[in-house]
Amino acid sequence: MSAGRRRAHPPTLGVLYIECRKRAGEPSEYVLSFGGDKDGVGAFYLAKATSFDSLTALLRKIGVPPPAIATALQVLMSESGHKIPNALLTPAMLRDLDLI
């Protein structure tokens, strides 16, 4: 393999975790992390959003299907967290989020 070529890495299958953090007098903050499907151990931070609009844009950016986005928003209206199973994460997505 030449020095200028990168090996293609397959997507990583896991769970997207969305946690809503509310503080008195401040807008909600949605923290997005990615990890294993058993118990969230080893999950790592991806990004945060400060509104449903910015959360929707972020989820679209990383390839979450529209029905899964709609479900997540519905759940987050009444609960503090939601999991999106079977999510794929690629190095390109990590670059788009400025994580690598």
C-alpha atoms as a PDB file:
ATOM      1  CA  MET A   1       0.000   0.000   0.000  1.00  0.00           C
ATOM      2  CA  SER A   2       1.425   3.391  -0.948  1.00  0.00           C
ATOM      3  CA  ALA A   3       1.892   6.140   1.619  1.00  0.00           C
ATOM      4  CA  GLY A   4      -0.756   8.303  -0.067  1.00  0.00           C
ATOM      5  CA  ARG A   5      -3.524   5.717   0.041  1.00  0.00           C
ATOM      6  CA  ARG A   6      -5.726   5.042   3.043  1.00  0.00           C
ATOM      7  CA  ARG A   7      -7.263   1.730   3.830  1.00  0.00           C
ATOM      8  CA  ALA A   8     -11.021   1.747   3.588  1.00  0.00           C
ATOM      9  CA  HIS A   9     -12.580   1.081   6.966  1.00  0.00           C
ATOM     10  CA  PRO A  10     -15.966  -0.601   7.076  1.00  0.00           C
ATOM     11  CA  PRO A  11     -18.795   1.202   8.882  1.00  0.00           C
ATOM     12  CA  THR A  12     -19.149   0.444  12.583  1.00  0.00           C
ATOM     13  CA  LEU A  13     -22.556  -0.786  13.721  1.00  0.00           C
ATOM     14  CA  GLY A  14     -23.770   0.470  17.085  1.00  0.00           C
ATOM     15  CA  VAL A  15     -26.326   2.551  18.906  1.00  0.00           C
ATOM     16  CA  LEU A  16     -26.811   6.315  18.817  1.00  0.00           C
ATOM     17  CA  TYR A  17     -27.662   7.615  22.270  1.00  0.00           C
ATOM     18  CA  ILE A  18     -29.467  10.947  22.584  1.00  0.00           C
ATOM     19  CA  GLU A  19     -29.646  12.522  26.020  1.00  0.00           C
ATOM     20  CA  CYS A  20     -31.652  15.657  26.741  1.00  0.00           C
ATOM     21  CA  ARG A  21     -30.098  17.873  29.380  1.00  0.00           C
ATOM     22  CA  LYS A  22     -32.387  20.541  30.781  1.00  0.00           C
ATOM     23  CA  ARG A  23     -31.298  23.314  33.094  1.00  0.00           C
ATOM     24  CA  ALA A  24     -33.634  25.785  34.740  1.00  0.00           C
ATOM     25  CA  GLY A  25     -34.034  28.904  32.650  1.00  0.00           C
ATOM     26  CA  GLU A  26     -31.937  27.594  29.766  1.00  0.00           C
ATOM     27  CA  PRO A  27     -32.847  25.835  26.513  1.00  0.00           C
ATOM     28  CA  SER A  28     -32.548  22.068  26.342  1.00  0.00           C
ATOM     29  CA  GLU A  29     -29.303  20.578  25.092  1.00  0.00           C
ATOM     30  CA  TYR A  30     -29.231  17.262  23.223  1.00  0.00           C
ATOM     31  CA  VAL A  31     -26.035  15.242  23.544  1.00  0.00           C
ATOM     32  CA  LEU A  32     -25.401  12.597  20.902  1.00  0.00           C
ATOM     33  CA  SER A  33     -23.065   9.678  21.573  1.00  0.00           C
ATOM     34  CA  PHE A  34     -22.315   6.360  19.883  1.00  0.00           C
ATOM     35  CA  GLY A  35     -21.503   3.015  21.415  1.00  0.00           C
ATOM     36  CA  GLY A  36     -22.271  -0.636  21.862  1.00  0.00           C
ATOM     37  CA  ASP A  37     -25.762  -2.043  21.991  1.00  0.00           C
ATOM     38  CA  LYS A  38     -25.573  -3.787  25.382  1.00  0.00           C
ATOM     39  CA  ASP A  39     -25.334  -1.082  28.028  1.00  0.00           C
ATOM     40  CA  GLY A  40     -23.752   2.038  26.569  1.00  0.00           C
ATOM     41  CA  VAL A  41     -20.379   1.310  28.139  1.00  0.00           C
ATOM     42  CA  GLY A  42     -17.694   2.646  25.865  1.00  0.00           C
ATOM     43  CA  ALA A  43     -20.025   5.124  24.183  1.00  0.00           C
ATOM     44  CA  PHE A  44     -18.245   8.243  23.002  1.00  0.00           C
ATOM     45  CA  TYR A  45     -19.383  11.802  22.419  1.00  0.00           C
ATOM     46  CA  LEU A  46     -20.253  12.780  18.867  1.00  0.00           C
ATOM     47  CA  ALA A  47     -21.910  16.186  19.084  1.00  0.00           C
ATOM     48  CA  LYS A  48     -24.522  18.306  20.780  1.00  0.00           C
ATOM     49  CA  ALA A  49     -27.514  20.233  19.538  1.00  0.00           C
ATOM     50  CA  THR A  50     -29.548  22.994  21.174  1.00  0.00           C
ATOM     51  CA  SER A  51     -32.894  22.553  19.437  1.00  0.00           C
ATOM     52  CA  PHE A  52     -34.982  19.961  17.642  1.00  0.00           C
ATOM     53  CA  ASP A  53     -34.070  21.659  14.340  1.00  0.00           C
ATOM     54  CA  SER A  54     -30.336  21.379  14.947  1.00  0.00           C
ATOM     55  CA  LEU A  55     -30.738  17.819  16.280  1.00  0.00           C
ATOM     56  CA  THR A  56     -32.696  16.879  13.142  1.00  0.00           C
ATOM     57  CA  ALA A  57     -29.982  18.386  10.918  1.00  0.00           C
ATOM     58  CA  LEU A  58     -27.278  16.526  12.840  1.00  0.00           C
ATOM     59  CA  LEU A  59     -29.092  13.186  12.614  1.00  0.00           C
ATOM     60  CA  ARG A  60     -29.638  13.694   8.868  1.00  0.00           C
ATOM     61  CA  LYS A  61     -25.952  14.528   8.440  1.00  0.00           C
ATOM     62  CA  ILE A  62     -24.935  11.173   9.888  1.00  0.00           C
ATOM     63  CA  GLY A  63     -27.445   9.234   7.809  1.00  0.00           C
ATOM     64  CA  VAL A  64     -30.251   8.452  10.258  1.00  0.00           C
ATOM     65  CA  PRO A  65     -33.396   7.559   8.253  1.00  0.00           C
ATOM     66  CA  PRO A  66     -36.305  10.045   8.468  1.00  0.00           C
ATOM     67  CA  PRO A  67     -38.653   7.601  10.287  1.00  0.00           C
ATOM     68  CA  ALA A  68     -36.025   7.046  13.002  1.00  0.00           C
ATOM     69  CA  ILE A  69     -35.563  10.817  13.347  1.00  0.00           C
ATOM     70  CA  ALA A  70     -39.319  11.328  13.706  1.00  0.00           C
ATOM     71  CA  THR A  71     -39.486   8.628  16.380  1.00  0.00           C
ATOM     72  CA  ALA A  72     -36.561  10.133  18.281  1.00  0.00           C
ATOM     73  CA  LEU A  73     -38.123  13.595  18.322  1.00  0.00           C
ATOM     74  CA  GLN A  74     -41.472  12.178  19.471  1.00  0.00           C
ATOM     75  CA  VAL A  75     -39.825  10.248  22.314  1.00  0.00           C
ATOM     76  CA  LEU A  76     -37.686  13.216  23.378  1.00  0.00           C
ATOM     77  CA  MET A  77     -40.807  15.349  23.844  1.00  0.00           C
ATOM     78  CA  SER A  78     -41.651  13.281  26.916  1.00  0.00           C
ATOM     79  CA  GLU A  79     -38.480  11.423  27.925  1.00  0.00           C
ATOM     80  CA  SER A  80     -34.916  12.493  28.677  1.00  0.00           C
ATOM     81  CA  GLY A  81     -33.228   9.990  26.384  1.00  0.00           C
ATOM     82  CA  HIS A  82     -33.600   7.823  23.316  1.00  0.00           C
ATOM     83  CA  LYS A  83     -31.575   5.121  21.579  1.00  0.00           C
ATOM     84  CA  ILE A  84     -31.405   4.589  17.827  1.00  0.00           C
ATOM     85  CA  PRO A  85     -30.235   0.998  17.262  1.00  0.00           C
ATOM     86  CA  ASN A  86     -28.386  -0.375  14.247  1.00  0.00           C
ATOM     87  CA  ALA A  87     -26.733   2.933  13.426  1.00  0.00           C
ATOM     88  CA  LEU A  88     -23.735   2.914  11.107  1.00  0.00           C
ATOM     89  CA  LEU A  89     -20.806   5.209  11.755  1.00  0.00           C
ATOM     90  CA  THR A  90     -18.028   5.714   9.225  1.00  0.00           C
ATOM     91  CA  PRO A  91     -14.698   7.558   9.324  1.00  0.00           C
ATOM     92  CA  ALA A  92     -16.167  10.052   6.821  1.00  0.00           C
ATOM     93  CA  MET A  93     -18.980  10.847   9.285  1.00  0.00           C
ATOM     94  CA  LEU A  94     -16.424  11.372  12.050  1.00  0.00           C
ATOM     95  CA  ARG A  95     -14.503  13.759   9.783  1.00  0.00           C
ATOM     96  CA  ASP A  96     -17.725  15.669   9.018  1.00  0.00           C
ATOM     97  CA  LEU A  97     -18.219  16.113  12.765  1.00  0.00           C
ATOM     98  CA  ASP A  98     -14.571  17.258  13.139  1.00  0.00           C
ATOM     99  CA  LEU A  99     -13.826  14.318  15.432  1.00  0.00           C
ATOM    100  CA  ILE A 100     -10.867  13.003  13.414  1.00  0.00           C
END
